Every structure is written in structure tokens, then in C-alpha cells.
């Protein structure tokens, strides 16, 4: 049983390190979106906050203020969706089956029954 406990502890340490790596990767993710005419682009950070906005001067002449505002809002939403997709890819790649805790618990209970200990 000590080999199983050792293996479980090794697996837990591996998972802890992987969780730390994934957490750091998710925190660094950014996403970008650009308008079809390439005149407006946005970048959002890992929290979905706008961190960069680029507006070509031609966009100021082409669009009225409310159109430009709507385009920026739409691009931020698009970038946020891309961010969500990237986070899901990172997280799903990191998901691994956990050690057999139920099996270890059952082994412990079985051992206690054999020695007459109370659960």
C-alpha cells in the first residue's frame, strides 16, 4: 500500500505543478479582433478587459460616432469570445484523470476491517 500512497503523492505533485503552469498560461492569454475593413482593431487581456484599441484615421471619416462605438463594442465581444475559446483549449488540454482516491479509501477500510479497527 505504501507504493500506492507514494504513487498518489507523486501524481498529486504532478497535478499541482500542472495546475500552476495552466494558471500562469491562462493569466497570460490575450485575444485580438479586427474589423473587416481593417480600420479598427482591439485586444483584450485574460480578464476580457480592453487593453489596446487601434483606430485608423480613415475610420473617423468613414463612420459616425455611434457606428464606430458599435463596431468597437462588437470587436471587444468577438475578442472576448476568442479569449474564452483559448482558455477552454488550455484547460481541456490539462484535464487528466485523478488518482484512484476511492480505491485507496476502500483499501484502507478493508485493512481496518481485517484488523478490527473502527471507521
PDB file of N, CA and C in Angstrom:
ATOM      1  N   UNK A   1       0.822  -1.193   0.000  1.00  0.00           N
ATOM      2  CA  UNK A   1       0.000   0.000   0.000  1.00  0.00           C
ATOM      3  C   UNK A   1       0.866   1.257   0.000  1.00  0.00           C
ATOM      4  N   UNK A   2       2.059   1.224   0.590  1.00  0.00           N
ATOM      5  CA  UNK A   2       2.894   2.418   0.616  1.00  0.00           C
ATOM      6  C   UNK A   2       3.317   2.815  -0.798  1.00  0.00           C
ATOM      7  N   UNK A   3       3.489   1.839  -1.699  1.00  0.00           N
ATOM      8  CA  UNK A   3       3.794   2.163  -3.093  1.00  0.00           C
ATOM      9  C   UNK A   3       2.640   2.928  -3.729  1.00  0.00           C
ATOM     10  N   UNK A   4       1.414   2.523  -3.398  1.00  0.00           N
ATOM     11  CA  UNK A   4       0.242   3.207  -3.941  1.00  0.00           C
ATOM     12  C   UNK A   4       0.167   4.634  -3.393  1.00  0.00           C
ATOM     13  N   UNK A   5       0.423   4.808  -2.088  1.00  0.00           N
ATOM     14  CA  UNK A   5       0.413   6.148  -1.487  1.00  0.00           C
ATOM     15  C   UNK A   5       1.502   7.009  -2.116  1.00  0.00           C
ATOM     16  N   UNK A   6       2.658   6.444  -2.299  1.00  0.00           N
ATOM     17  CA  UNK A   6       3.763   7.177  -2.912  1.00  0.00           C
ATOM     18  C   UNK A   6       3.401   7.597  -4.333  1.00  0.00           C
ATOM     19  N   UNK A   7       2.807   6.685  -5.075  1.00  0.00           N
ATOM     20  CA  UNK A   7       2.378   6.998  -6.446  1.00  0.00           C
ATOM     21  C   UNK A   7       1.312   8.086  -6.437  1.00  0.00           C
ATOM     22  N   UNK A   8       0.382   8.002  -5.480  1.00  0.00           N
ATOM     23  CA  UNK A   8      -0.671   9.012  -5.392  1.00  0.00           C
ATOM     24  C   UNK A   8      -0.067  10.377  -5.062  1.00  0.00           C
ATOM     25  N   UNK A   9       0.872  10.426  -4.126  1.00  0.00           N
ATOM     26  CA  UNK A   9       1.503  11.695  -3.766  1.00  0.00           C
ATOM     27  C   UNK A   9       2.312  12.255  -4.933  1.00  0.00           C
ATOM     28  N   UNK A  10       2.993  11.392  -5.665  1.00  0.00           N
ATOM     29  CA  UNK A  10       3.717  11.837  -6.858  1.00  0.00           C
ATOM     30  C   UNK A  10       2.750  12.419  -7.884  1.00  0.00           C
ATOM     31  N   UNK A  11       1.623  11.751  -8.064  1.00  0.00           N
ATOM     32  CA  UNK A  11       0.614  12.230  -9.015  1.00  0.00           C
ATOM     33  C   UNK A  11       0.035  13.561  -8.557  1.00  0.00           C
ATOM     34  N   UNK A  12      -0.224  13.705  -7.272  1.00  0.00           N
ATOM     35  CA  UNK A  12      -0.738  14.976  -6.752  1.00  0.00           C
ATOM     36  C   UNK A  12       0.264  16.102  -6.984  1.00  0.00           C
ATOM     37  N   UNK A  13       1.527  15.834  -6.779  1.00  0.00           N
ATOM     38  CA  UNK A  13       2.563  16.847  -7.015  1.00  0.00           C
ATOM     39  C   UNK A  13       2.623  17.204  -8.498  1.00  0.00           C
ATOM     40  N   UNK A  14       2.515  16.206  -9.364  1.00  0.00           N
ATOM     41  CA  UNK A  14       2.499  16.470 -10.805  1.00  0.00           C
ATOM     42  C   UNK A  14       1.307  17.336 -11.185  1.00  0.00           C
ATOM     43  N   UNK A  15       0.143  17.015 -10.605  1.00  0.00           N
ATOM     44  CA  UNK A  15      -1.063  17.788 -10.894  1.00  0.00           C
ATOM     45  C   UNK A  15      -0.948  19.211 -10.357  1.00  0.00           C
ATOM     46  N   UNK A  16      -0.342  19.380  -9.174  1.00  0.00           N
ATOM     47  CA  UNK A  16      -0.161  20.711  -8.607  1.00  0.00           C
ATOM     48  C   UNK A  16       0.724  21.551  -9.532  1.00  0.00           C
ATOM     49  N   UNK A  17       1.816  20.966 -10.011  1.00  0.00           N
ATOM     50  CA  UNK A  17       2.711  21.675 -10.923  1.00  0.00           C
ATOM     51  C   UNK A  17       1.991  22.011 -12.230  1.00  0.00           C
ATOM     52  N   UNK A  18       1.198  21.079 -12.738  1.00  0.00           N
ATOM     53  CA  UNK A  18       0.438  21.313 -13.971  1.00  0.00           C
ATOM     54  C   UNK A  18      -0.599  22.414 -13.761  1.00  0.00           C
ATOM     55  N   UNK A  19      -1.266  22.410 -12.630  1.00  0.00           N
ATOM     56  CA  UNK A  19      -2.250  23.451 -12.324  1.00  0.00           C
ATOM     57  C   UNK A  19      -1.582  24.817 -12.271  1.00  0.00           C
ATOM     58  N   UNK A  20      -0.418  24.889 -11.688  1.00  0.00           N
ATOM     59  CA  UNK A  20       0.324  26.146 -11.631  1.00  0.00           C
ATOM     60  C   UNK A  20       0.686  26.612 -13.034  1.00  0.00           C
ATOM     61  N   UNK A  21       1.156  25.691 -13.870  1.00  0.00           N
ATOM     62  CA  UNK A  21       1.515  26.030 -15.246  1.00  0.00           C
ATOM     63  C   UNK A  21       0.295  26.517 -16.031  1.00  0.00           C
ATOM     64  N   UNK A  22      -0.813  25.811 -15.876  1.00  0.00           N
ATOM     65  CA  UNK A  22      -2.044  26.176 -16.584  1.00  0.00           C
ATOM     66  C   UNK A  22      -2.550  27.532 -16.106  1.00  0.00           C
ATOM     67  N   UNK A  23      -2.514  27.754 -14.807  1.00  0.00           N
ATOM     68  CA  UNK A  23      -2.961  29.028 -14.244  1.00  0.00           C
ATOM     69  C   UNK A  23      -2.150  30.187 -14.818  1.00  0.00           C
ATOM     70  N   UNK A  24      -0.849  30.012 -14.906  1.00  0.00           N
ATOM     71  CA  UNK A  24       0.008  31.046 -15.487  1.00  0.00           C
ATOM     72  C   UNK A  24      -0.299  31.250 -16.967  1.00  0.00           C
ATOM     73  N   UNK A  25      -0.521  30.174 -17.691  1.00  0.00           N
ATOM     74  CA  UNK A  25      -0.831  30.277 -19.121  1.00  0.00           C
ATOM     75  C   UNK A  25      -2.151  31.008 -19.343  1.00  0.00           C
ATOM     76  N   UNK A  26      -3.156  30.685 -18.550  1.00  0.00           N
ATOM     77  CA  UNK A  26      -4.463  31.340 -18.673  1.00  0.00           C
ATOM     78  C   UNK A  26      -4.340  32.826 -18.344  1.00  0.00           C
ATOM     79  N   UNK A  27      -3.521  33.167 -17.359  1.00  0.00           N
ATOM     80  CA  UNK A  27      -3.358  34.567 -16.960  1.00  0.00           C
ATOM     81  C   UNK A  27      -2.664  35.401 -18.041  1.00  0.00           C
ATOM     82  N   UNK A  28      -1.911  34.763 -18.928  1.00  0.00           N
ATOM     83  CA  UNK A  28      -1.182  35.484 -19.977  1.00  0.00           C
ATOM     84  C   UNK A  28      -1.953  35.587 -21.294  1.00  0.00           C
ATOM     85  N   UNK A  29      -3.071  34.928 -21.411  1.00  0.00           N
ATOM     86  CA  UNK A  29      -3.808  34.885 -22.678  1.00  0.00           C
ATOM     87  C   UNK A  29      -4.349  36.272 -23.030  1.00  0.00           C
ATOM     88  N   UNK A  30      -4.224  36.613 -24.297  1.00  0.00           N
ATOM     89  CA  UNK A  30      -4.871  37.806 -24.842  1.00  0.00           C
ATOM     90  C   UNK A  30      -5.566  37.387 -26.135  1.00  0.00           C
ATOM     91  N   UNK A  31      -6.482  38.217 -26.582  1.00  0.00           N
ATOM     92  CA  UNK A  31      -7.171  37.931 -27.844  1.00  0.00           C
ATOM     93  C   UNK A  31      -7.332  39.233 -28.620  1.00  0.00           C
ATOM     94  N   UNK A  32      -7.383  39.102 -29.920  1.00  0.00           N
ATOM     95  CA  UNK A  32      -7.385  40.244 -30.823  1.00  0.00           C
ATOM     96  C   UNK A  32      -8.546  40.092 -31.810  1.00  0.00           C
ATOM     97  N   UNK A  33      -9.125  41.205 -32.200  1.00  0.00           N
ATOM     98  CA  UNK A  33     -10.151  41.195 -33.251  1.00  0.00           C
ATOM     99  C   UNK A  33      -9.973  42.453 -34.095  1.00  0.00           C
ATOM    100  N   UNK A  34     -10.205  42.310 -35.392  1.00  0.00           N
ATOM    101  CA  UNK A  34     -10.041  43.418 -36.331  1.00  0.00           C
ATOM    102  C   UNK A  34     -11.281  43.504 -37.211  1.00  0.00           C
ATOM    103  N   UNK A  35     -11.686  44.719 -37.500  1.00  0.00           N
ATOM    104  CA  UNK A  35     -12.853  44.921 -38.364  1.00  0.00           C
ATOM    105  C   UNK A  35     -12.550  44.412 -39.769  1.00  0.00           C
ATOM    106  N   UNK A  36     -13.605  44.112 -40.516  1.00  0.00           N
ATOM    107  CA  UNK A  36     -13.455  43.573 -41.872  1.00  0.00           C
ATOM    108  C   UNK A  36     -12.672  44.528 -42.770  1.00  0.00           C
ATOM    109  N   UNK A  37     -12.839  45.832 -42.562  1.00  0.00           N
ATOM    110  CA  UNK A  37     -12.119  46.811 -43.385  1.00  0.00           C
ATOM    111  C   UNK A  37     -10.724  47.133 -42.841  1.00  0.00           C
ATOM    112  N   UNK A  38     -10.346  46.465 -41.760  1.00  0.00           N
ATOM    113  CA  UNK A  38      -9.015  46.607 -41.134  1.00  0.00           C
ATOM    114  C   UNK A  38      -8.757  47.996 -40.544  1.00  0.00           C
ATOM    115  N   UNK A  39      -9.811  48.767 -40.319  1.00  0.00           N
ATOM    116  CA  UNK A  39      -9.627  50.122 -39.805  1.00  0.00           C
ATOM    117  C   UNK A  39      -9.680  50.198 -38.280  1.00  0.00           C
ATOM    118  N   UNK A  40     -10.255  49.197 -37.656  1.00  0.00           N
ATOM    119  CA  UNK A  40     -10.381  49.195 -36.194  1.00  0.00           C
ATOM    120  C   UNK A  40      -9.939  47.833 -35.677  1.00  0.00           C
ATOM    121  N   UNK A  41      -9.120  47.843 -34.645  1.00  0.00           N
ATOM    122  CA  UNK A  41      -8.733  46.579 -34.017  1.00  0.00           C
ATOM    123  C   UNK A  41      -8.662  46.760 -32.507  1.00  0.00           C
ATOM    124  N   UNK A  42      -8.920  45.659 -31.808  1.00  0.00           N
ATOM    125  CA  UNK A  42      -8.910  45.675 -30.346  1.00  0.00           C
ATOM    126  C   UNK A  42      -8.140  44.463 -29.830  1.00  0.00           C
ATOM    127  N   UNK A  43      -7.630  44.592 -28.619  1.00  0.00           N
ATOM    128  CA  UNK A  43      -7.009  43.479 -27.909  1.00  0.00           C
ATOM    129  C   UNK A  43      -7.566  43.477 -26.498  1.00  0.00           C
ATOM    130  N   UNK A  44      -7.942  42.292 -26.025  1.00  0.00           N
ATOM    131  CA  UNK A  44      -8.409  42.149 -24.644  1.00  0.00           C
ATOM    132  C   UNK A  44      -7.428  41.263 -23.888  1.00  0.00           C
ATOM    133  N   UNK A  45      -7.339  41.507 -22.578  1.00  0.00           N
ATOM    134  CA  UNK A  45      -6.435  40.705 -21.750  1.00  0.00           C
ATOM    135  C   UNK A  45      -7.152  39.477 -21.211  1.00  0.00           C
ATOM    136  N   UNK A  46      -6.484  38.748 -20.342  1.00  0.00           N
ATOM    137  CA  UNK A  46      -7.016  37.488 -19.813  1.00  0.00           C
ATOM    138  C   UNK A  46      -8.324  37.671 -19.059  1.00  0.00           C
ATOM    139  N   UNK A  47      -8.584  38.882 -18.576  1.00  0.00           N
ATOM    140  CA  UNK A  47      -9.844  39.135 -17.866  1.00  0.00           C
ATOM    141  C   UNK A  47     -10.934  39.663 -18.794  1.00  0.00           C
ATOM    142  N   UNK A  48     -10.614  39.798 -20.073  1.00  0.00           N
ATOM    143  CA  UNK A  48     -11.585  40.294 -21.035  1.00  0.00           C
ATOM    144  C   UNK A  48     -11.640  41.810 -21.102  1.00  0.00           C
ATOM    145  N   UNK A  49     -10.668  42.470 -20.476  1.00  0.00           N
ATOM    146  CA  UNK A  49     -10.636  43.933 -20.476  1.00  0.00           C
ATOM    147  C   UNK A  49      -9.894  44.449 -21.704  1.00  0.00           C
ATOM    148  N   UNK A  50     -10.408  45.511 -22.275  1.00  0.00           N
ATOM    149  CA  UNK A  50      -9.785  46.135 -23.432  1.00  0.00           C
ATOM    150  C   UNK A  50      -8.427  46.709 -23.019  1.00  0.00           C
ATOM    151  N   UNK A  51      -7.357  46.250 -23.664  1.00  0.00           N
ATOM    152  CA  UNK A  51      -6.018  46.746 -23.329  1.00  0.00           C
ATOM    153  C   UNK A  51      -5.368  47.471 -24.502  1.00  0.00           C
ATOM    154  N   UNK A  52      -5.952  47.338 -25.688  1.00  0.00           N
ATOM    155  CA  UNK A  52      -5.422  48.061 -26.837  1.00  0.00           C
ATOM    156  C   UNK A  52      -6.558  48.325 -27.818  1.00  0.00           C
ATOM    157  N   UNK A  53      -6.576  49.536 -28.320  1.00  0.00           N
ATOM    158  CA  UNK A  53      -7.572  49.945 -29.310  1.00  0.00           C
ATOM    159  C   UNK A  53      -6.835  50.725 -30.383  1.00  0.00           C
ATOM    160  N   UNK A  54      -6.979  50.288 -31.623  1.00  0.00           N
ATOM    161  CA  UNK A  54      -6.336  50.964 -32.740  1.00  0.00           C
ATOM    162  C   UNK A  54      -7.420  51.399 -33.720  1.00  0.00           C
ATOM    163  N   UNK A  55      -7.456  52.701 -33.981  1.00  0.00           N
ATOM    164  CA  UNK A  55      -8.439  53.249 -34.922  1.00  0.00           C
ATOM    165  C   UNK A  55      -7.671  54.000 -36.001  1.00  0.00           C
ATOM    166  N   UNK A  56      -7.768  53.507 -37.212  1.00  0.00           N
ATOM    167  CA  UNK A  56      -7.147  54.176 -38.350  1.00  0.00           C
ATOM    168  C   UNK A  56      -7.875  55.504 -38.550  1.00  0.00           C
ATOM    169  N   UNK A  57      -7.170  56.587 -38.847  1.00  0.00           N
ATOM    170  CA  UNK A  57      -7.830  57.883 -39.058  1.00  0.00           C
ATOM    171  C   UNK A  57      -8.928  57.836 -40.122  1.00  0.00           C
ATOM    172  N   UNK A  58      -8.797  56.946 -41.097  1.00  0.00           N
ATOM    173  CA  UNK A  58      -9.846  56.831 -42.127  1.00  0.00           C
ATOM    174  C   UNK A  58     -11.171  56.371 -41.531  1.00  0.00           C
ATOM    175  N   UNK A  59     -11.114  55.611 -40.439  1.00  0.00           N
ATOM    176  CA  UNK A  59     -12.350  55.157 -39.788  1.00  0.00           C
ATOM    177  C   UNK A  59     -13.123  56.339 -39.223  1.00  0.00           C
ATOM    178  N   UNK A  60     -12.411  57.367 -38.774  1.00  0.00           N
ATOM    179  CA  UNK A  60     -13.067  58.548 -38.215  1.00  0.00           C
ATOM    180  C   UNK A  60     -13.839  59.306 -39.299  1.00  0.00           C
ATOM    181  N   UNK A  61     -13.370  59.207 -40.516  1.00  0.00           N
ATOM    182  CA  UNK A  61     -14.067  59.870 -41.619  1.00  0.00           C
ATOM    183  C   UNK A  61     -15.182  58.990 -42.190  1.00  0.00           C
ATOM    184  N   UNK A  62     -14.989  57.687 -42.126  1.00  0.00           N
ATOM    185  CA  UNK A  62     -15.937  56.752 -42.724  1.00  0.00           C
ATOM    186  C   UNK A  62     -17.171  56.526 -41.857  1.00  0.00           C
ATOM    187  N   UNK A  63     -17.004  56.490 -40.547  1.00  0.00           N
ATOM    188  CA  UNK A  63     -18.095  56.129 -39.636  1.00  0.00           C
ATOM    189  C   UNK A  63     -18.517  57.301 -38.765  1.00  0.00           C
ATOM    190  N   UNK A  64     -19.811  57.336 -38.488  1.00  0.00           N
ATOM    191  CA  UNK A  64     -20.309  58.278 -37.483  1.00  0.00           C
ATOM    192  C   UNK A  64     -19.907  57.741 -36.114  1.00  0.00           C
ATOM    193  N   UNK A  65     -19.955  58.570 -35.105  1.00  0.00           N
ATOM    194  CA  UNK A  65     -19.513  58.199 -33.751  1.00  0.00           C
ATOM    195  C   UNK A  65     -20.242  56.965 -33.239  1.00  0.00           C
ATOM    196  N   UNK A  66     -21.566  56.917 -33.428  1.00  0.00           N
ATOM    197  CA  UNK A  66     -22.321  55.768 -32.907  1.00  0.00           C
ATOM    198  C   UNK A  66     -21.982  54.480 -33.665  1.00  0.00           C
ATOM    199  N   UNK A  67     -21.663  54.588 -34.966  1.00  0.00           N
ATOM    200  CA  UNK A  67     -21.254  53.412 -35.734  1.00  0.00           C
ATOM    201  C   UNK A  67     -19.889  52.903 -35.257  1.00  0.00           C
ATOM    202  N   UNK A  68     -18.987  53.827 -35.032  1.00  0.00           N
ATOM    203  CA  UNK A  68     -17.656  53.460 -34.556  1.00  0.00           C
ATOM    204  C   UNK A  68     -17.744  52.834 -33.164  1.00  0.00           C
ATOM    205  N   UNK A  69     -18.574  53.419 -32.326  1.00  0.00           N
ATOM    206  CA  UNK A  69     -18.781  52.875 -30.980  1.00  0.00           C
ATOM    207  C   UNK A  69     -19.335  51.451 -31.047  1.00  0.00           C
ATOM    208  N   UNK A  70     -20.326  51.237 -31.905  1.00  0.00           N
ATOM    209  CA  UNK A  70     -20.918  49.901 -32.056  1.00  0.00           C
ATOM    210  C   UNK A  70     -19.885  48.911 -32.595  1.00  0.00           C
ATOM    211  N   UNK A  71     -19.053  49.365 -33.516  1.00  0.00           N
ATOM    212  CA  UNK A  71     -18.031  48.480 -34.076  1.00  0.00           C
ATOM    213  C   UNK A  71     -17.009  48.087 -33.003  1.00  0.00           C
ATOM    214  N   UNK A  72     -16.594  49.031 -32.193  1.00  0.00           N
ATOM    215  CA  UNK A  72     -15.642  48.741 -31.116  1.00  0.00           C
ATOM    216  C   UNK A  72     -16.252  47.754 -30.132  1.00  0.00           C
ATOM    217  N   UNK A  73     -17.497  47.996 -29.751  1.00  0.00           N
ATOM    218  CA  UNK A  73     -18.182  47.094 -28.818  1.00  0.00           C
ATOM    219  C   UNK A  73     -18.278  45.688 -29.399  1.00  0.00           C
ATOM    220  N   UNK A  74     -18.612  45.591 -30.671  1.00  0.00           N
ATOM    221  CA  UNK A  74     -18.716  44.290 -31.332  1.00  0.00           C
ATOM    222  C   UNK A  74     -17.357  43.584 -31.388  1.00  0.00           C
ATOM    223  N   UNK A  75     -16.309  44.328 -31.682  1.00  0.00           N
ATOM    224  CA  UNK A  75     -14.970  43.739 -31.749  1.00  0.00           C
ATOM    225  C   UNK A  75     -14.494  43.263 -30.380  1.00  0.00           C
ATOM    226  N   UNK A  76     -14.808  44.021 -29.333  1.00  0.00           N
ATOM    227  CA  UNK A  76     -14.441  43.591 -27.980  1.00  0.00           C
ATOM    228  C   UNK A  76     -15.165  42.291 -27.643  1.00  0.00           C
ATOM    229  N   UNK A  77     -16.427  42.202 -28.017  1.00  0.00           N
ATOM    230  CA  UNK A  77     -17.191  40.974 -27.778  1.00  0.00           C
ATOM    231  C   UNK A  77     -16.589  39.797 -28.554  1.00  0.00           C
ATOM    232  N   UNK A  78     -16.216  40.032 -29.796  1.00  0.00           N
ATOM    233  CA  UNK A  78     -15.591  38.985 -30.619  1.00  0.00           C
ATOM    234  C   UNK A  78     -14.258  38.537 -30.006  1.00  0.00           C
ATOM    235  N   UNK A  79     -13.449  39.494 -29.580  1.00  0.00           N
ATOM    236  CA  UNK A  79     -12.163  39.156 -28.953  1.00  0.00           C
ATOM    237  C   UNK A  79     -12.381  38.401 -27.647  1.00  0.00           C
ATOM    238  N   UNK A  80     -13.397  38.795 -26.897  1.00  0.00           N
ATOM    239  CA  UNK A  80     -13.693  38.105 -25.639  1.00  0.00           C
ATOM    240  C   UNK A  80     -14.105  36.657 -25.904  1.00  0.00           C
ATOM    241  N   UNK A  81     -14.855  36.409 -26.967  1.00  0.00           N
ATOM    242  CA  UNK A  81     -15.230  35.038 -27.321  1.00  0.00           C
ATOM    243  C   UNK A  81     -13.993  34.226 -27.708  1.00  0.00           C
ATOM    244  N   UNK A  82     -13.090  34.836 -28.445  1.00  0.00           N
ATOM    245  CA  UNK A  82     -11.837  34.153 -28.797  1.00  0.00           C
ATOM    246  C   UNK A  82     -11.028  33.836 -27.540  1.00  0.00           C
ATOM    247  N   UNK A  83     -11.022  34.778 -26.610  1.00  0.00           N
ATOM    248  CA  UNK A  83     -10.339  34.570 -25.334  1.00  0.00           C
ATOM    249  C   UNK A  83     -10.935  33.372 -24.600  1.00  0.00           C
ATOM    250  N   UNK A  84     -12.248  33.315 -24.561  1.00  0.00           N
ATOM    251  CA  UNK A  84     -12.956  32.201 -23.918  1.00  0.00           C
ATOM    252  C   UNK A  84     -12.562  30.872 -24.582  1.00  0.00           C
ATOM    253  N   UNK A  85     -12.523  30.855 -25.901  1.00  0.00           N
ATOM    254  CA  UNK A  85     -12.147  29.637 -26.633  1.00  0.00           C
ATOM    255  C   UNK A  85     -10.706  29.222 -26.327  1.00  0.00           C
ATOM    256  N   UNK A  86      -9.807  30.201 -26.270  1.00  0.00           N
ATOM    257  CA  UNK A  86      -8.402  29.897 -25.961  1.00  0.00           C
ATOM    258  C   UNK A  86      -8.261  29.325 -24.552  1.00  0.00           C
ATOM    259  N   UNK A  87      -8.969  29.924 -23.595  1.00  0.00           N
ATOM    260  CA  UNK A  87      -8.916  29.413 -22.214  1.00  0.00           C
ATOM    261  C   UNK A  87      -9.435  27.985 -22.166  1.00  0.00           C
ATOM    262  N   UNK A  88     -10.531  27.717 -22.860  1.00  0.00           N
ATOM    263  CA  UNK A  88     -11.080  26.354 -22.877  1.00  0.00           C
ATOM    264  C   UNK A  88     -10.094  25.357 -23.478  1.00  0.00           C
ATOM    265  N   UNK A  89      -9.388  25.756 -24.527  1.00  0.00           N
ATOM    266  CA  UNK A  89      -8.388  24.869 -25.128  1.00  0.00           C
ATOM    267  C   UNK A  89      -7.271  24.563 -24.139  1.00  0.00           C
ATOM    268  N   UNK A  90      -6.793  25.582 -23.445  1.00  0.00           N
ATOM    269  CA  UNK A  90      -5.721  25.387 -22.464  1.00  0.00           C
ATOM    270  C   UNK A  90      -6.191  24.468 -21.350  1.00  0.00           C
ATOM    271  N   UNK A  91      -7.394  24.732 -20.835  1.00  0.00           N
ATOM    272  CA  UNK A  91      -7.901  23.945 -19.712  1.00  0.00           C
ATOM    273  C   UNK A  91      -8.223  22.512 -20.119  1.00  0.00           C
ATOM    274  N   UNK A  92      -8.813  22.317 -21.282  1.00  0.00           N
ATOM    275  CA  UNK A  92      -9.166  20.951 -21.681  1.00  0.00           C
ATOM    276  C   UNK A  92      -7.917  20.123 -21.976  1.00  0.00           C
ATOM    277  N   UNK A  93      -6.855  20.766 -22.437  1.00  0.00           N
ATOM    278  CA  UNK A  93      -5.605  20.042 -22.679  1.00  0.00           C
ATOM    279  C   UNK A  93      -4.959  19.595 -21.372  1.00  0.00           C
ATOM    280  N   UNK A  94      -5.279  20.292 -20.285  1.00  0.00           N
ATOM    281  CA  UNK A  94      -4.652  19.990 -18.992  1.00  0.00           C
ATOM    282  C   UNK A  94      -5.443  18.996 -18.157  1.00  0.00           C
ATOM    283  N   UNK A  95      -6.673  18.701 -18.541  1.00  0.00           N
ATOM    284  CA  UNK A  95      -7.511  17.809 -17.730  1.00  0.00           C
ATOM    285  C   UNK A  95      -6.991  16.383 -17.833  1.00  0.00           C
ATOM    286  N   UNK A  96      -6.697  15.803 -16.696  1.00  0.00           N
ATOM    287  CA  UNK A  96      -6.208  14.427 -16.611  1.00  0.00           C
ATOM    288  C   UNK A  96      -7.041  13.702 -15.566  1.00  0.00           C
ATOM    289  N   UNK A  97      -7.205  12.403 -15.700  1.00  0.00           N
ATOM    290  CA  UNK A  97      -7.916  11.660 -14.660  1.00  0.00           C
ATOM    291  C   UNK A  97      -7.152  11.750 -13.345  1.00  0.00           C
ATOM    292  N   UNK A  98      -7.882  11.873 -12.254  1.00  0.00           N
ATOM    293  CA  UNK A  98      -7.238  11.971 -10.944  1.00  0.00           C
ATOM    294  C   UNK A  98      -6.891  10.588 -10.415  1.00  0.00           C
ATOM    295  N   UNK A  99      -5.979  10.540  -9.441  1.00  0.00           N
ATOM    296  CA  UNK A  99      -5.616   9.240  -8.868  1.00  0.00           C
ATOM    297  C   UNK A  99      -6.838   8.544  -8.293  1.00  0.00           C
ATOM    298  N   UNK A 100      -6.739   7.249  -8.105  1.00  0.00           N
ATOM    299  CA  UNK A 100      -7.857   6.450  -7.614  1.00  0.00           C
ATOM    300  C   UNK A 100      -8.081   6.598  -6.121  1.00  0.00           C
ATOM    301  N   UNK A 101      -8.559   7.771  -5.696  1.00  0.00           N
ATOM    302  CA  UNK A 101      -8.795   8.014  -4.271  1.00  0.00           C
ATOM    303  C   UNK A 101      -9.813   7.040  -3.699  1.00  0.00           C
ATOM    304  N   UNK A 102     -10.843   6.737  -4.458  1.00  0.00           N
ATOM    305  CA  UNK A 102     -11.876   5.813  -3.965  1.00  0.00           C
ATOM    306  C   UNK A 102     -11.263   4.441  -3.705  1.00  0.00           C
ATOM    307  N   UNK A 103     -10.389   4.022  -4.604  1.00  0.00           N
ATOM    308  CA  UNK A 103      -9.734   2.722  -4.418  1.00  0.00           C
ATOM    309  C   UNK A 103      -8.859   2.722  -3.170  1.00  0.00           C
ATOM    310  N   UNK A 104      -8.150   3.808  -2.931  1.00  0.00           N
ATOM    311  CA  UNK A 104      -7.289   3.892  -1.750  1.00  0.00           C
ATOM    312  C   UNK A 104      -8.136   3.880  -0.484  1.00  0.00           C
ATOM    313  N   UNK A 105      -9.239   4.625  -0.505  1.00  0.00           N
ATOM    314  CA  UNK A 105     -10.143   4.633   0.648  1.00  0.00           C
ATOM    315  C   UNK A 105     -10.710   3.254   0.915  1.00  0.00           C
ATOM    316  N   UNK A 106     -11.076   2.562  -0.144  1.00  0.00           N
ATOM    317  CA  UNK A 106     -11.613   1.205   0.016  1.00  0.00           C
ATOM    318  C   UNK A 106     -10.542   0.269   0.563  1.00  0.00           C
ATOM    319  N   UNK A 107      -9.310   0.390   0.079  1.00  0.00           N
ATOM    320  CA  UNK A 107      -8.209  -0.422   0.617  1.00  0.00           C
ATOM    321  C   UNK A 107      -8.023  -0.157   2.107  1.00  0.00           C
ATOM    322  N   UNK A 108      -8.118   1.108   2.497  1.00  0.00           N
ATOM    323  CA  UNK A 108      -7.952   1.459   3.913  1.00  0.00           C
ATOM    324  C   UNK A 108      -9.068   0.841   4.748  1.00  0.00           C
ATOM    325  N   UNK A 109     -10.311   0.961   4.276  1.00  0.00           N
ATOM    326  CA  UNK A 109     -11.445   0.386   5.017  1.00  0.00           C
ATOM    327  C   UNK A 109     -11.319  -1.132   5.110  1.00  0.00           C
ATOM    328  N   UNK A 110     -10.894  -1.752   4.021  1.00  0.00           N
ATOM    329  CA  UNK A 110     -10.708  -3.199   4.013  1.00  0.00           C
ATOM    330  C   UNK A 110      -9.638  -3.595   5.038  1.00  0.00           C
ATOM    331  N   UNK A 111      -8.545  -2.850   5.077  1.00  0.00           N
ATOM    332  CA  UNK A 111      -7.485  -3.126   6.037  1.00  0.00           C
ATOM    333  C   UNK A 111      -7.950  -2.933   7.467  1.00  0.00           C
ATOM    334  N   UNK A 112      -8.796  -1.914   7.694  1.00  0.00           N
ATOM    335  CA  UNK A 112      -9.304  -1.666   9.045  1.00  0.00           C
ATOM    336  C   UNK A 112     -10.230  -2.794   9.478  1.00  0.00           C
ATOM    337  N   UNK A 113     -11.041  -3.298   8.542  1.00  0.00           N
ATOM    338  CA  UNK A 113     -11.942  -4.408   8.881  1.00  0.00           C
ATOM    339  C   UNK A 113     -11.141  -5.651   9.247  1.00  0.00           C
ATOM    340  N   UNK A 114     -10.060  -5.859   8.523  1.00  0.00           N
ATOM    341  CA  UNK A 114      -9.234  -7.038   8.797  1.00  0.00           C
ATOM    342  C   UNK A 114      -8.547  -6.949  10.154  1.00  0.00           C
ATOM    343  N   UNK A 115      -8.199  -5.732  10.589  1.00  0.00           N
ATOM    344  CA  UNK A 115      -7.520  -5.580  11.882  1.00  0.00           C
ATOM    345  C   UNK A 115      -8.499  -5.290  13.010  1.00  0.00           C
ATOM    346  N   UNK A 116      -9.788  -5.091  12.681  1.00  0.00           N
ATOM    347  CA  UNK A 116     -10.800  -4.847  13.706  1.00  0.00           C
ATOM    348  C   UNK A 116     -10.906  -3.393  14.149  1.00  0.00           C
ATOM    349  N   UNK A 117     -10.257  -2.430  13.425  1.00  0.00           N
ATOM    350  CA  UNK A 117     -10.355  -1.011  13.781  1.00  0.00           C
ATOM    351  C   UNK A 117     -11.740  -0.495  13.420  1.00  0.00           C
ATOM    352  N   UNK A 118     -12.130   0.626  14.071  1.00  0.00           N
ATOM    353  CA  UNK A 118     -13.412   1.278  13.792  1.00  0.00           C
ATOM    354  C   UNK A 118     -13.205   2.332  12.716  1.00  0.00           C
ATOM    355  N   UNK A 119     -14.192   2.501  11.835  1.00  0.00           N
ATOM    356  CA  UNK A 119     -14.126   3.532  10.801  1.00  0.00           C
ATOM    357  C   UNK A 119     -14.712   4.810  11.302  1.00  0.00           C
TER     358      UNK A 119
END
